[in-house]
Protein backbone atom coordinates (compact mmCIF):
# COMPACT_ATOMS: atom_id res chain seq x y z
CA MET A 1 -14.96 -25.56 -4.38
CA ILE A 2 -14.08 -21.85 -4.02
CA ASP A 3 -13.80 -20.54 -0.58
CA PRO A 4 -16.94 -18.66 0.18
CA MET A 5 -14.92 -15.73 1.66
CA ILE A 6 -13.53 -15.26 -1.82
CA SER A 7 -16.94 -15.37 -3.31
CA LEU A 8 -18.04 -12.80 -0.78
CA ALA A 9 -15.14 -10.53 -1.57
CA PHE A 10 -16.07 -10.54 -5.29
CA ALA A 11 -19.60 -9.81 -4.39
CA VAL A 12 -18.81 -6.75 -2.34
CA HIS A 13 -16.27 -5.52 -4.81
CA SER A 14 -18.35 -6.02 -7.89
CA ARG A 15 -21.58 -4.70 -6.46
CA PRO A 16 -20.74 -1.56 -4.47
CA GLY A 17 -23.54 -0.85 -2.02
CA VAL A 18 -25.58 -3.82 -2.71
CA TYR A 19 -24.69 -5.74 0.48
CA ALA A 20 -25.82 -4.69 3.83
CA LEU A 21 -24.45 -5.71 7.24
CA LEU A 22 -26.24 -7.32 10.05
CA LEU A 23 -24.10 -7.03 13.13
CA GLY A 24 -24.79 -8.59 16.60
CA SER A 25 -22.90 -8.27 19.89
CA GLY A 26 -20.13 -10.65 18.77
CA VAL A 27 -18.76 -7.78 16.54
CA SER A 28 -17.97 -5.62 19.51
CA ARG A 29 -16.67 -8.41 21.64
CA SER A 30 -12.99 -7.73 21.15
CA ALA A 31 -13.50 -4.11 21.95
CA GLY A 32 -14.37 -5.14 25.55
CA ILE A 33 -17.99 -4.46 25.04
CA PRO A 34 -19.77 -7.45 26.79
CA THR A 35 -22.34 -9.61 25.12
CA GLY A 36 -25.80 -9.59 26.56
CA TRP A 37 -24.98 -12.95 28.24
CA GLU A 38 -21.76 -11.49 29.82
CA VAL A 39 -23.83 -8.35 31.11
CA THR A 40 -26.31 -11.02 32.44
CA LEU A 41 -23.70 -12.95 34.39
CA ASN A 42 -22.17 -9.73 35.68
CA LEU A 43 -25.57 -8.48 36.87
CA ILE A 44 -26.13 -11.87 38.73
CA HIS A 45 -22.76 -11.29 40.58
CA LYS A 46 -23.87 -7.96 41.69
CA VAL A 47 -27.43 -9.39 42.77
CA ALA A 48 -25.65 -12.09 44.78
CA ALA A 49 -23.38 -9.62 46.39
CA LEU A 50 -26.15 -7.38 47.51
CA SER A 51 -28.01 -10.55 48.69
CA GLU A 52 -24.99 -11.15 50.94
CA GLU A 53 -24.33 -14.48 49.01
CA ASN A 54 -21.56 -15.92 46.97
CA CYS A 55 -22.50 -17.18 43.46
CA GLY A 56 -18.95 -18.43 43.06
CA GLU A 57 -17.84 -19.61 39.58
CA ASP A 58 -21.35 -20.62 38.52
CA PRO A 59 -23.51 -17.55 38.66
CA GLU A 60 -25.94 -19.19 36.25
CA GLY A 61 -26.57 -22.22 38.54
CA TRP A 62 -26.87 -19.95 41.61
CA PHE A 63 -29.42 -17.83 40.02
CA ALA A 64 -31.44 -20.88 38.87
CA GLU A 65 -31.40 -22.51 42.19
CA LYS A 66 -32.23 -19.36 44.15
CA TYR A 67 -35.02 -17.97 41.85
CA ASP A 68 -36.27 -21.33 40.31
CA GLN A 69 -35.66 -20.09 36.85
CA GLN A 70 -32.92 -19.84 34.27
CA PRO A 71 -31.31 -16.44 34.10
CA ASP A 72 -32.72 -14.36 31.23
CA TYR A 73 -30.87 -11.14 30.16
CA SER A 74 -33.97 -9.18 29.31
CA ARG A 75 -36.06 -10.31 32.21
CA LEU A 76 -33.15 -9.63 34.53
CA LEU A 77 -32.72 -6.04 33.15
CA GLU A 78 -36.46 -5.57 33.52
CA GLU A 79 -36.33 -6.78 37.21
CA LEU A 80 -33.46 -4.54 38.18
CA ALA A 81 -34.36 -1.41 36.26
CA LYS A 82 -38.10 -0.87 35.89
CA THR A 83 -38.03 1.96 33.29
CA PRO A 84 -36.02 2.49 30.03
CA THR A 85 -34.25 5.43 31.58
CA ALA A 86 -33.11 3.32 34.54
CA ARG A 87 -31.97 0.52 32.27
CA GLN A 88 -29.99 3.15 30.26
CA GLU A 89 -28.13 4.36 33.28
CA LEU A 90 -27.42 0.78 34.42
CA LEU A 91 -25.98 -0.08 31.10
CA ARG A 92 -23.87 2.99 30.73
CA ALA A 93 -20.85 1.48 32.47
CA TYR A 94 -20.80 -1.39 30.24
CA PHE A 95 -20.40 0.63 26.95
CA GLU A 96 -18.35 3.82 28.03
CA PRO A 97 -14.70 3.51 28.72
CA THR A 98 -13.19 4.56 31.96
CA ASP A 99 -9.72 6.42 31.75
CA GLU A 100 -8.03 3.17 32.58
CA GLU A 101 -9.94 1.35 30.03
CA ARG A 102 -9.25 3.97 27.29
CA GLU A 103 -5.43 3.71 28.25
CA GLU A 104 -5.75 0.00 27.70
CA GLY A 105 -7.60 0.49 24.32
CA ARG A 106 -10.81 -1.11 25.68
CA LYS A 107 -14.25 -0.12 24.54
CA LEU A 108 -12.82 1.75 21.65
CA PRO A 109 -13.34 0.81 17.93
CA SER A 110 -11.96 -2.69 17.16
CA PRO A 111 -10.06 -3.90 14.01
CA ALA A 112 -13.61 -5.01 12.82
CA HIS A 113 -15.11 -1.61 13.29
CA ARG A 114 -12.28 0.01 11.49
CA ALA A 115 -12.26 -2.50 8.64
CA ILE A 116 -15.92 -1.85 8.15
CA ALA A 117 -15.47 1.75 8.33
CA GLY A 118 -12.93 1.52 5.50
CA LEU A 119 -15.27 -0.51 3.32
CA ILE A 120 -17.94 2.14 3.82
CA ALA A 121 -15.52 5.04 3.15
CA GLN A 122 -14.85 3.14 -0.11
CA ASP A 123 -18.53 3.07 -0.78
CA LYS A 124 -18.59 -0.79 -0.78
CA ILE A 125 -21.06 -0.89 2.07
CA ARG A 126 -23.80 1.62 2.59
CA VAL A 127 -26.30 0.00 5.00
CA VAL A 128 -25.62 -1.40 8.49
CA ILE A 129 -28.20 -3.03 10.73
CA THR A 130 -26.98 -3.61 14.21
CA THR A 131 -28.57 -4.92 17.52
CA ASN A 132 -25.74 -3.20 19.46
CA PHE A 133 -26.20 -0.23 21.70
CA ASP A 134 -22.68 1.02 21.46
CA ARG A 135 -21.31 3.82 19.22
CA LEU A 136 -18.00 2.18 18.15
CA LEU A 137 -18.86 2.01 14.53
CA GLU A 138 -19.93 5.62 14.45
CA THR A 139 -16.64 6.63 16.07
CA ALA A 140 -14.63 4.55 13.47
CA LEU A 141 -16.60 5.99 10.59
CA LYS A 142 -15.70 9.69 11.94
CA GLU A 143 -11.96 8.72 12.03
CA VAL A 144 -12.23 8.14 8.26
CA GLY A 145 -14.43 11.27 7.70
CA VAL A 146 -17.81 9.62 7.13
CA GLU A 147 -20.75 11.06 8.94
CA PRO A 148 -23.37 8.31 8.92
CA VAL A 149 -27.06 8.69 9.06
CA VAL A 150 -27.89 6.95 12.42
CA ILE A 151 -31.46 5.66 12.98
CA SER A 152 -32.28 4.40 16.55
CA THR A 153 -35.88 5.59 16.88
CA ALA A 154 -39.14 5.20 15.05
CA ASP A 155 -39.15 8.99 14.50
CA GLN A 156 -35.68 8.92 12.88
CA ALA A 157 -36.65 6.04 10.60
CA ALA A 158 -39.93 8.03 9.52
CA GLY A 159 -37.83 11.00 8.51
CA ALA A 160 -34.64 9.33 7.28
CA THR A 161 -32.80 10.06 4.11
CA PRO A 162 -33.69 7.42 1.61
CA LEU A 163 -31.00 4.53 1.69
CA THR A 164 -29.92 5.06 -1.84
CA HIS A 165 -29.10 8.89 -1.25
CA ALA A 166 -27.33 8.46 2.20
CA PRO A 167 -23.58 7.75 2.08
CA CYS A 168 -24.02 5.33 5.12
CA THR A 169 -27.14 4.45 7.15
CA ILE A 170 -26.80 2.59 10.42
CA LEU A 171 -30.06 1.22 11.66
CA LYS A 172 -29.73 0.33 15.41
CA VAL A 173 -32.93 -1.64 15.80
CA ASN A 174 -32.58 -2.05 19.67
CA GLY A 175 -31.75 1.72 20.10
CA ASP A 176 -28.85 3.59 21.41
CA TYR A 177 -27.44 3.19 24.93
CA LEU A 178 -27.64 7.05 25.32
CA ASP A 179 -31.33 7.05 24.33
CA ALA A 180 -33.93 5.97 27.14
CA ARG A 181 -35.91 4.00 24.56
CA ILE A 182 -33.55 1.11 24.24
CA ARG A 183 -34.94 -2.39 23.73
CA ASN A 184 -34.07 -5.01 26.26
CA THR A 185 -37.01 -6.91 27.54
CA PRO A 186 -38.84 -9.77 25.53
CA ASP A 187 -41.89 -7.43 25.20
CA GLU A 188 -39.73 -4.57 23.82
CA LEU A 189 -37.84 -7.01 21.44
CA ALA A 190 -40.95 -8.64 20.25
CA SER A 191 -42.05 -5.87 17.74
CA TYR A 192 -40.86 -2.61 16.23
CA GLU A 193 -42.72 0.38 15.22
CA PRO A 194 -44.12 0.45 11.64
CA SER A 195 -41.40 2.93 10.17
CA ILE A 196 -38.55 0.57 11.45
CA GLU A 197 -40.40 -2.57 10.15
CA ALA A 198 -40.79 -0.82 6.74
CA MET A 199 -37.04 0.00 6.60
CA LEU A 200 -36.17 -3.52 7.44
CA ASP A 201 -38.45 -5.00 4.94
CA ARG A 202 -36.90 -2.86 2.28
CA ILE A 203 -33.47 -3.63 3.28
CA PHE A 204 -34.07 -7.34 3.35
CA ASP A 205 -35.69 -7.30 -0.08
CA GLU A 206 -33.34 -5.09 -1.93
CA PHE A 207 -29.90 -5.78 -0.38
CA GLY A 208 -27.69 -8.66 -0.08
CA LEU A 209 -26.86 -9.58 3.66
CA ILE A 210 -23.79 -10.25 5.53
CA VAL A 211 -24.46 -11.58 9.13
CA CYS A 212 -21.76 -11.55 11.82
CA GLY A 213 -21.98 -11.87 15.62
CA TRP A 214 -25.69 -12.36 15.76
CA SER A 215 -27.25 -15.46 17.44
CA ALA A 216 -30.79 -14.68 16.25
CA ASP A 217 -32.16 -15.86 19.74
CA TRP A 218 -33.15 -12.53 21.53
CA ASP A 219 -34.27 -10.14 18.77
CA LEU A 220 -37.75 -11.54 18.03
CA ALA A 221 -38.88 -8.66 15.79
CA LEU A 222 -35.74 -8.74 13.74
CA ARG A 223 -35.89 -12.46 13.34
CA SER A 224 -39.57 -11.95 12.15
CA ALA A 225 -38.57 -9.36 9.57
CA LEU A 226 -36.11 -11.88 8.07
CA GLU A 227 -38.67 -14.67 8.00
CA ARG A 228 -41.26 -12.64 6.19
CA CYS A 229 -38.94 -11.75 3.36
CA THR A 230 -39.46 -14.47 0.96
CA SER A 231 -37.62 -13.06 -2.18
CA ARG A 232 -33.88 -12.80 -1.60
CA ARG A 233 -32.30 -11.07 -4.45
CA TYR A 234 -28.72 -11.82 -3.42
CA THR A 235 -26.94 -14.59 -1.61
CA THR A 236 -26.76 -14.14 2.29
CA TYR A 237 -23.35 -14.79 3.75
CA TRP A 238 -23.65 -15.92 7.48
CA THR A 239 -20.42 -16.24 9.57
CA GLN A 240 -20.06 -19.03 12.04
CA LYS A 241 -17.63 -18.89 15.02
CA ASP A 242 -19.36 -21.29 17.37
CA ALA A 243 -22.19 -23.66 16.56
CA PHE A 244 -25.41 -22.20 15.39
CA THR A 245 -28.15 -21.76 17.69
CA GLU A 246 -31.40 -23.58 16.63
CA THR A 247 -32.92 -20.27 15.98
CA ALA A 248 -30.14 -19.39 13.55
CA GLN A 249 -30.20 -22.84 11.87
CA ARG A 250 -33.84 -22.47 11.23
CA LEU A 251 -33.33 -19.02 9.61
CA ILE A 252 -30.48 -20.29 7.50
CA SER A 253 -32.42 -23.20 6.24
CA GLN A 254 -35.16 -20.74 4.90
CA GLU A 255 -33.04 -18.99 2.46
CA PRO A 256 -29.95 -19.58 0.31
CA CYS A 257 -26.99 -19.01 2.48
CA GLU A 258 -23.17 -19.35 2.27
CA ILE A 259 -21.61 -20.28 5.61
CA ILE A 260 -18.21 -18.68 6.33
CA THR A 261 -16.39 -20.22 9.30
CA ILE A 262 -14.34 -17.47 11.12
CA GLU A 263 -12.18 -17.16 14.23
CA ASP A 264 -13.78 -13.90 15.17
CA ALA A 265 -15.22 -10.78 13.78
CA ASP A 266 -11.92 -8.81 13.77
CA SER A 267 -10.08 -11.31 11.53
CA PHE A 268 -13.11 -11.78 9.28
CA PHE A 269 -13.62 -8.11 8.50
CA VAL A 270 -9.97 -7.24 8.21
CA ASP A 271 -9.55 -10.30 5.79
CA LEU A 272 -12.60 -9.06 3.79
CA LYS A 273 -11.33 -5.65 3.45
CA GLU A 274 -7.84 -6.86 2.44
CA LYS A 275 -9.47 -9.15 -0.33
CA VAL A 276 -11.66 -6.26 -1.52
CA ASP A 277 -8.61 -3.93 -1.59
CA ALA A 278 -6.73 -6.60 -3.64
CA LEU A 279 -9.59 -6.91 -6.09
CA GLU A 280 -9.54 -3.08 -6.49
CA ARG A 281 -5.96 -2.95 -7.24
CA ILE A 282 -6.20 -5.70 -9.75
CA ALA A 283 -9.24 -4.21 -11.43
CA ARG A 284 -8.18 -0.61 -11.50
CA PRO A 285 -6.03 0.31 -14.72
CA HIS A 286 -2.45 1.29 -13.42
CA PRO A 287 -2.50 4.98 -13.45
CA LEU A 288 1.19 4.99 -14.49
CA SER A 289 1.26 2.65 -17.32
CA LYS A 290 4.20 3.79 -19.31
CA ARG A 291 2.60 5.56 -22.26
CA MET A 292 0.04 7.17 -20.06
CA ALA A 293 2.53 8.38 -17.51
CA VAL A 294 4.90 9.89 -20.13
CA ALA A 295 2.03 11.65 -21.81
CA SER A 296 0.85 12.97 -18.41
CA LEU A 297 4.40 14.25 -17.60
CA LYS A 298 4.63 16.00 -20.98
CA ARG A 299 1.50 17.82 -20.34
CA CYS A 300 2.71 18.96 -16.89
CA LEU A 301 6.19 20.02 -18.17
CA GLN A 302 4.53 22.26 -20.79
CA ASP A 303 2.93 24.38 -17.91
CA PRO A 304 5.39 26.07 -15.39
CA ASN A 305 2.65 26.21 -12.90
CA ARG A 306 2.21 22.43 -12.79
CA ILE A 307 5.40 21.54 -10.77
CA ILE A 308 3.49 20.06 -8.12
CA GLU A 309 1.87 17.64 -10.50
CA VAL A 310 5.30 16.72 -11.89
CA HIS A 311 6.52 16.07 -8.27
CA GLU A 312 3.44 13.94 -7.34
CA LEU A 313 3.69 11.85 -10.65
CA ILE A 314 7.37 11.09 -10.17
CA SER A 315 6.92 10.51 -6.39
CA ALA A 316 3.99 8.14 -6.78
CA GLU A 317 5.93 5.95 -9.36
CA THR A 318 9.14 6.25 -7.30
CA GLU A 319 7.25 4.86 -4.33
CA ARG A 320 5.82 2.04 -6.43
CA VAL A 321 9.26 0.92 -7.61
CA CYS A 322 10.41 1.17 -4.01
CA SER A 323 7.81 -1.12 -2.91
CA GLU A 324 8.69 -3.68 -5.50
CA ILE A 325 12.46 -3.74 -5.04
CA GLY A 326 12.78 -4.12 -1.38
CA GLU A 327 14.56 -6.98 0.43
CA ASP A 328 11.32 -8.77 0.80
CA ARG A 329 11.02 -9.12 -2.81
CA PHE A 330 14.64 -9.45 -3.66
CA PRO A 331 16.08 -11.35 -0.56
CA PHE A 332 19.79 -11.30 -0.16
CA GLN A 333 19.82 -14.79 1.47
CA ARG A 334 18.66 -16.74 -1.60
CA LYS A 335 21.20 -19.51 -2.34
CA GLY A 336 22.01 -22.23 -4.93
CA THR A 337 24.72 -23.77 -6.94
CA LYS A 338 26.71 -21.63 -9.35
CA ASP A 339 24.50 -22.53 -12.16
CA GLU A 340 21.30 -21.90 -10.19
CA LEU A 341 22.68 -18.47 -9.05
CA ARG A 342 23.30 -17.68 -12.76
CA GLY A 343 19.81 -18.36 -13.63
CA GLN A 344 18.65 -16.40 -10.60
CA LEU A 345 20.98 -13.29 -11.58
CA GLN A 346 19.35 -13.31 -15.12
CA GLU A 347 15.89 -13.42 -13.33
CA ARG A 348 16.70 -10.68 -10.95
CA MET A 349 18.04 -8.31 -13.54
CA GLU A 350 15.05 -8.90 -15.75
CA ARG A 351 12.72 -8.14 -12.79
CA TYR A 352 14.60 -5.02 -11.81
CA GLU A 353 14.44 -3.72 -15.49
CA ALA A 354 10.59 -4.53 -15.63
CA ILE A 355 9.92 -2.84 -12.41
CA THR A 356 11.82 0.37 -13.31
CA GLU A 357 10.72 0.54 -16.93
CA THR A 358 8.01 3.14 -16.45
CA LEU A 359 10.15 5.16 -13.97
CA CYS A 360 13.13 5.14 -16.54
CA ALA A 361 10.73 6.46 -19.30
CA LEU A 362 9.47 9.23 -16.96
CA LEU A 363 13.04 10.29 -15.93
CA ALA A 364 14.17 10.27 -19.72
CA THR A 365 11.17 12.50 -20.48
CA GLY A 366 11.66 14.75 -17.51
CA CYS A 367 15.46 15.25 -18.07
CA TYR A 368 14.99 15.88 -21.80
CA TRP A 369 12.21 18.47 -21.45
CA GLY A 370 12.60 19.60 -18.01
CA ASP A 371 14.52 22.63 -16.80
CA LYS A 372 16.28 23.88 -13.55
CA LYS A 373 13.02 24.06 -11.46
CA HIS A 374 12.53 20.35 -11.90
CA GLU A 375 16.01 19.24 -10.99
CA ARG A 376 15.20 18.69 -7.30
CA ILE A 377 12.51 16.20 -8.36
CA TRP A 378 14.96 13.98 -10.53
CA VAL A 379 17.55 14.08 -7.65
CA ASP A 380 14.91 13.23 -4.92
CA CYS A 381 13.88 10.14 -7.06
CA LEU A 382 17.51 8.91 -7.23
CA ASN A 383 18.13 9.44 -3.62
CA ARG A 384 14.98 7.63 -2.77
CA VAL A 385 15.75 4.49 -4.92
CA ALA A 386 19.50 4.42 -4.02
CA ASN A 387 18.91 4.62 -0.22
CA LEU A 388 16.38 1.81 0.02
CA ARG A 389 18.63 -0.35 1.93
CA GLY A 390 18.41 -3.99 3.30
CA GLU A 391 19.95 -5.67 6.21
CA GLY A 392 23.31 -6.05 4.33
CA ALA A 393 23.96 -9.71 5.06
CA GLY A 394 23.59 -12.46 2.45
CA ILE A 395 24.91 -13.52 -0.94
CA LEU A 396 27.45 -11.18 -2.15
CA TRP A 397 25.97 -11.17 -5.68
CA TRP A 398 22.47 -10.03 -4.52
CA ILE A 399 24.00 -7.36 -2.23
CA GLN A 400 26.12 -5.96 -5.15
CA MET A 401 22.94 -5.90 -7.35
CA ARG A 402 20.89 -3.84 -5.03
CA LEU A 403 21.94 -0.45 -6.74
CA TYR A 404 21.19 -1.84 -10.16
CA PRO A 405 17.78 -0.09 -10.30
CA THR A 406 19.56 3.21 -9.55
CA VAL A 407 21.94 2.68 -12.36
CA LEU A 408 19.17 2.12 -14.81
CA LEU A 409 17.53 5.36 -13.56
CA LEU A 410 20.80 7.36 -13.69
CA HIS A 411 21.49 6.22 -17.24
CA ALA A 412 18.05 6.97 -18.46
CA GLY A 413 17.98 10.46 -17.13
CA GLY A 414 21.59 11.23 -17.93
CA MET A 415 21.35 10.08 -21.44
CA ALA A 416 18.34 11.99 -22.00
CA ALA A 417 20.02 15.16 -20.70
CA VAL A 418 23.03 14.61 -22.94
CA ALA A 419 20.69 14.26 -26.03
CA ALA A 420 19.04 17.51 -25.16
CA GLU A 421 22.39 19.10 -24.42
CA ASN A 422 20.71 19.94 -21.05
CA TYR A 423 23.98 19.93 -19.07
CA ALA A 424 22.67 21.69 -16.00
CA THR A 425 20.30 18.78 -15.47
CA LEU A 426 23.27 16.31 -15.97
CA ARG A 427 25.23 18.25 -13.42
CA ALA A 428 22.30 17.74 -10.82
CA LEU A 429 21.97 14.04 -11.60
CA LEU A 430 25.73 13.42 -11.29
CA CYS A 431 26.62 15.69 -8.55
CA ALA A 432 23.71 16.10 -6.10
CA PRO A 433 22.43 12.60 -5.20
CA ILE A 434 23.70 11.33 -1.86
CA ILE A 435 23.92 7.79 -0.61
CA ALA A 436 23.97 7.08 3.29
CA ALA A 437 26.76 4.87 4.48
CA SER A 438 27.94 3.64 7.86
CA ASP A 439 30.87 6.02 7.73
CA GLY A 440 28.88 9.03 6.58
CA ASN A 441 26.98 10.34 3.41
CA LYS A 442 28.83 9.82 0.20
CA ALA A 443 28.20 11.12 -3.32
CA LEU A 444 25.95 8.62 -5.15
CA LEU A 445 28.27 8.66 -8.15
CA TYR A 446 31.33 7.68 -6.04
CA GLU A 447 29.61 4.60 -4.68
CA LEU A 448 28.35 3.54 -8.12
CA ILE A 449 31.83 3.84 -9.61
CA LEU A 450 33.20 1.77 -6.80
CA GLN A 451 30.59 -0.92 -7.46
CA HIS A 452 30.74 -0.90 -11.19
CA SER A 453 33.67 -3.15 -11.79
CA HIS A 454 32.01 -5.74 -9.63
CA TRP A 455 28.90 -5.56 -11.77
CA GLU A 456 30.94 -5.90 -14.91
CA VAL A 457 32.32 -9.18 -13.58
CA LEU A 458 28.99 -10.31 -12.28
CA ALA A 459 27.25 -9.45 -15.68
CA GLN A 460 29.79 -11.72 -17.32
CA GLU A 461 27.90 -14.65 -15.70
CA LEU A 462 24.93 -13.83 -17.70
CA PRO A 463 24.65 -16.49 -20.74
CA GLU A 464 24.53 -13.99 -23.59
CA LYS A 465 27.42 -11.80 -22.01
CA ASN A 466 30.07 -14.49 -21.39
CA ARG A 467 33.48 -13.38 -22.26
CA ARG A 468 32.39 -9.88 -23.24
CA ARG A 469 34.72 -6.93 -22.25
CA VAL A 470 31.87 -4.72 -20.83
CA PRO A 471 28.75 -6.88 -20.42
CA LEU A 472 26.88 -4.65 -18.05
CA SER A 473 27.40 -1.55 -20.23
CA GLU A 474 26.24 -3.55 -23.16
CA ARG A 475 23.04 -4.68 -21.37
CA LEU A 476 22.46 -1.07 -20.09
CA GLU A 477 22.65 0.03 -23.78
CA GLU A 478 20.17 -2.50 -24.74
CA VAL A 479 17.65 -2.11 -22.05
CA LEU A 480 17.63 1.73 -22.37
CA ARG A 481 17.16 1.83 -26.18
CA GLU A 482 13.38 1.92 -26.21
CA PRO A 483 12.94 4.61 -23.44
CA LEU A 484 15.19 6.86 -25.43
CA ARG A 485 14.08 6.07 -28.83
CA GLU A 486 11.79 9.00 -29.09
CA TYR A 487 14.51 11.53 -28.15
CA VAL A 488 17.29 9.70 -30.16
CA PRO A 489 15.79 7.85 -32.92
CA ASP A 490 18.95 7.02 -35.03
CA ASP A 491 20.80 3.85 -33.66
CA THR A 492 24.15 5.29 -34.41
CA MET A 493 23.49 8.62 -32.69
CA PHE A 494 22.09 6.60 -29.77
CA ARG A 495 25.42 4.82 -29.24
CA GLN A 496 27.25 8.26 -29.50
CA VAL A 497 24.96 9.57 -26.81
CA PHE A 498 25.59 6.65 -24.68
CA ASP A 499 29.40 6.96 -25.10
CA ARG A 500 29.27 10.70 -24.32
CA PHE A 501 27.23 10.31 -21.13
CA CYS A 502 29.60 7.57 -19.90
CA TYR A 503 32.64 9.66 -20.76
CA LEU A 504 31.15 12.68 -18.94
CA LEU A 505 30.23 10.47 -15.99
CA ALA A 506 33.86 9.22 -15.80
CA LEU A 507 35.13 12.70 -15.80
CA ALA A 508 32.64 13.74 -13.06
CA TYR A 509 33.85 11.06 -10.96
CA GLY A 510 37.43 11.98 -11.47
CA ASP A 511 36.44 15.57 -10.39
CA ILE A 512 35.05 14.14 -7.22
CA ALA A 513 37.59 11.29 -6.46
CA GLY A 514 40.92 12.70 -7.96
CA GLU A 515 43.02 11.57 -10.74
CA THR A 516 44.62 8.87 -8.76
CA GLN A 517 41.55 6.99 -8.65
CA MET A 518 40.63 7.24 -12.36
CA GLY A 519 41.79 3.68 -12.78
CA LEU A 520 38.78 2.71 -10.85
CA SER A 521 36.42 4.06 -13.45
CA GLU A 522 34.80 1.39 -15.42
CA MET A 523 31.67 3.26 -16.54
CA PHE A 524 33.01 4.18 -19.92
CA ILE A 525 32.59 1.84 -22.89
CA TYR A 526 35.82 1.76 -24.88
CA ARG A 527 34.19 1.56 -28.31
CA ASN A 528 37.09 1.14 -30.61
CA ARG A 529 36.43 -2.13 -32.33
CA ILE A 530 39.65 -2.19 -34.53
CA GLY A 531 42.71 -0.85 -32.99
CA ARG A 532 43.85 0.66 -29.71
CA THR A 533 43.71 4.42 -30.86
CA PRO A 534 41.81 6.83 -28.52
CA CYS A 535 38.04 6.45 -28.89
CA ARG A 536 35.99 9.00 -30.82
CA VAL A 537 34.25 10.61 -27.97
CA ALA A 538 37.47 11.40 -26.32
CA GLN A 539 38.73 12.91 -29.55
CA GLU A 540 35.60 15.05 -29.97
CA THR A 541 35.80 16.27 -26.33
CA GLU A 542 39.38 17.29 -26.91
CA GLU A 543 38.40 19.32 -30.09
CA GLU A 544 35.46 21.01 -28.25
CA LEU A 545 37.73 21.93 -25.29
CA GLN A 546 40.31 23.51 -27.68
CA ARG A 547 37.63 25.39 -29.60
CA LEU A 548 35.28 26.55 -26.81
CA GLY A 549 37.44 26.67 -23.64
CA GLU A 550 35.34 27.87 -20.70
CA ASN A 551 32.42 27.97 -23.01
CA TRP A 552 32.27 24.17 -23.39
CA PRO A 553 28.71 23.47 -22.30
CA PRO A 554 29.32 20.85 -19.64
CA PHE A 555 32.05 23.08 -18.07
CA LYS A 556 29.75 26.15 -18.29
CA ALA A 557 26.87 24.37 -16.74
CA GLY A 558 28.95 23.67 -13.58
CA LEU A 559 29.40 20.04 -14.10
CA PHE A 560 33.09 20.41 -12.80
CA GLN A 561 34.50 22.11 -9.76
CA ARG A 562 37.98 22.42 -11.25
CA SER A 563 39.54 25.14 -13.33
CA LEU A 564 39.72 24.62 -17.17
CA SER A 565 43.38 23.74 -16.91
CA GLU A 566 42.73 21.25 -14.12
CA LEU A 567 39.85 19.71 -16.11
CA LYS A 568 42.16 19.12 -19.07
CA SER A 569 44.58 17.46 -16.87
CA LEU A 570 41.79 15.33 -15.42
CA LYS A 571 40.86 14.40 -18.96
CA GLN A 572 44.37 13.23 -19.94
CA GLN A 573 44.47 10.84 -16.90
CA CYS A 574 40.94 9.64 -17.77
CA ASP A 575 42.08 8.82 -21.42
CA LYS A 576 45.13 7.18 -20.06
CA ALA A 577 42.99 4.87 -17.87
CA PHE A 578 40.73 3.94 -20.73
CA ARG A 579 43.81 3.25 -23.00
CA GLU A 580 45.14 0.87 -20.33
CA ARG A 581 41.92 -0.93 -19.99
CA ALA A 582 41.66 -1.20 -23.87
CA ASN A 583 45.10 -2.71 -24.02
CA ARG A 584 44.51 -5.03 -21.09
CA PRO A 585 44.50 -8.72 -21.98
CA PHE A 586 41.02 -9.99 -22.12
């Protein structure tokens, strides 16, 4: 059978505003607000002290023996304070925190109050009936920006905003402790004024009910209102912490009820809100489905005044990706046999690729159509994903793979920039991102190059890439084909764009690290499939440099910090490293 808690979450989520809450003193218990019985016992202690007697650990027994009757909260209050005003003053200390209590977090809104306030702010709950005198719920609502309609007297009930038009109505059937007309005694609790009776009748007839923390013993008029409502449109959910009183059992037996066993009001309402939030996330169409996200970004890029929207769009999707690729989702400690690890490697790569799919499409679109004022947005995205670090201890494969999402994003944006001949954006992508390290900040490109040879070896463990010369580069080409198809529709041209990006990336790395480390560069795919002659993109670059000199677009855009002659020397070292790799036995 389905847990009634799940049923309740579906009811609250699918029928916003249909369910009302009926809250008793148990809801304020964890906040340090005493129940009526606790107030009774405390008052008995004070009566005993003033009588110069000691009631010990059994104040109830002491009172029964001394006064020949069982202690009764309402009657005791009536005896000690003869007027409503006197009772108000007597009760004030039980509801308002002292400075010390405030420091301790007592008599302040509890997790239950804040969870309820959250549900109200989401328009899931609009009506609350409470027997409590405190103002903790009102305080919690103000914290989330909701100003409730509070009804604690007959006059207020008579002139209240209709329930369907108010954002939130709190009906305090026994009054508010700051109002002299609070109800405590049996006579006061036996009946309500007609305006409050009418409001209760309407709520019980038109709304579903969630009952929590209410014993049903003391509030005679409230109990009568429930009993005279014979047509319940929606199921009542009644929480149970301890055994039900006989009164509550009788009420429950008179109408369809779902009983939910709880530990306390705090855990119940927090759990309810979490479940409703989960249903909200599931039901809501993802605002950044790939096609919708790309279309939204294109519209924003067309208007130079919408740069804030571009930033918000990329930032939101970046944060979603970060929330999905953290160490809690991709633990470094996951172990297994070599064959099991191979399967996990395939799974991890596919998960990384699926999670970053939309963000890759966004970066490709932005770096193809965007201009200089957008560059900081793309760089911030790479910085955020690259610097999402774990604890660092665990299986080496998984630690090495943690930057794979960054590699995907850098390739998507970089290739789009190359396709658009947007070399200023390419310069920003390759030169600006920084990765934090224990020995200081480093250029992200430097760290990626250092790791890439490890990834190529790792990718050879993939079933379809076994014994391939550049398996990771081949996988990147496959994964990024679709995000870039709109900008590079021809497959041959796409491979040329991929090669050109990787070649420029290798040159940019050499510009940062120096010619002596060019042998570390494994980012470039050596495409020659027939012989050992220099690859096409190297030849094309040589021809462009000879023809254009300092007007060569990547150089003119500031991709390199060296002089033209130094760049040509760097290129020679780069080509030498690639030739050596191509001739290296496989």
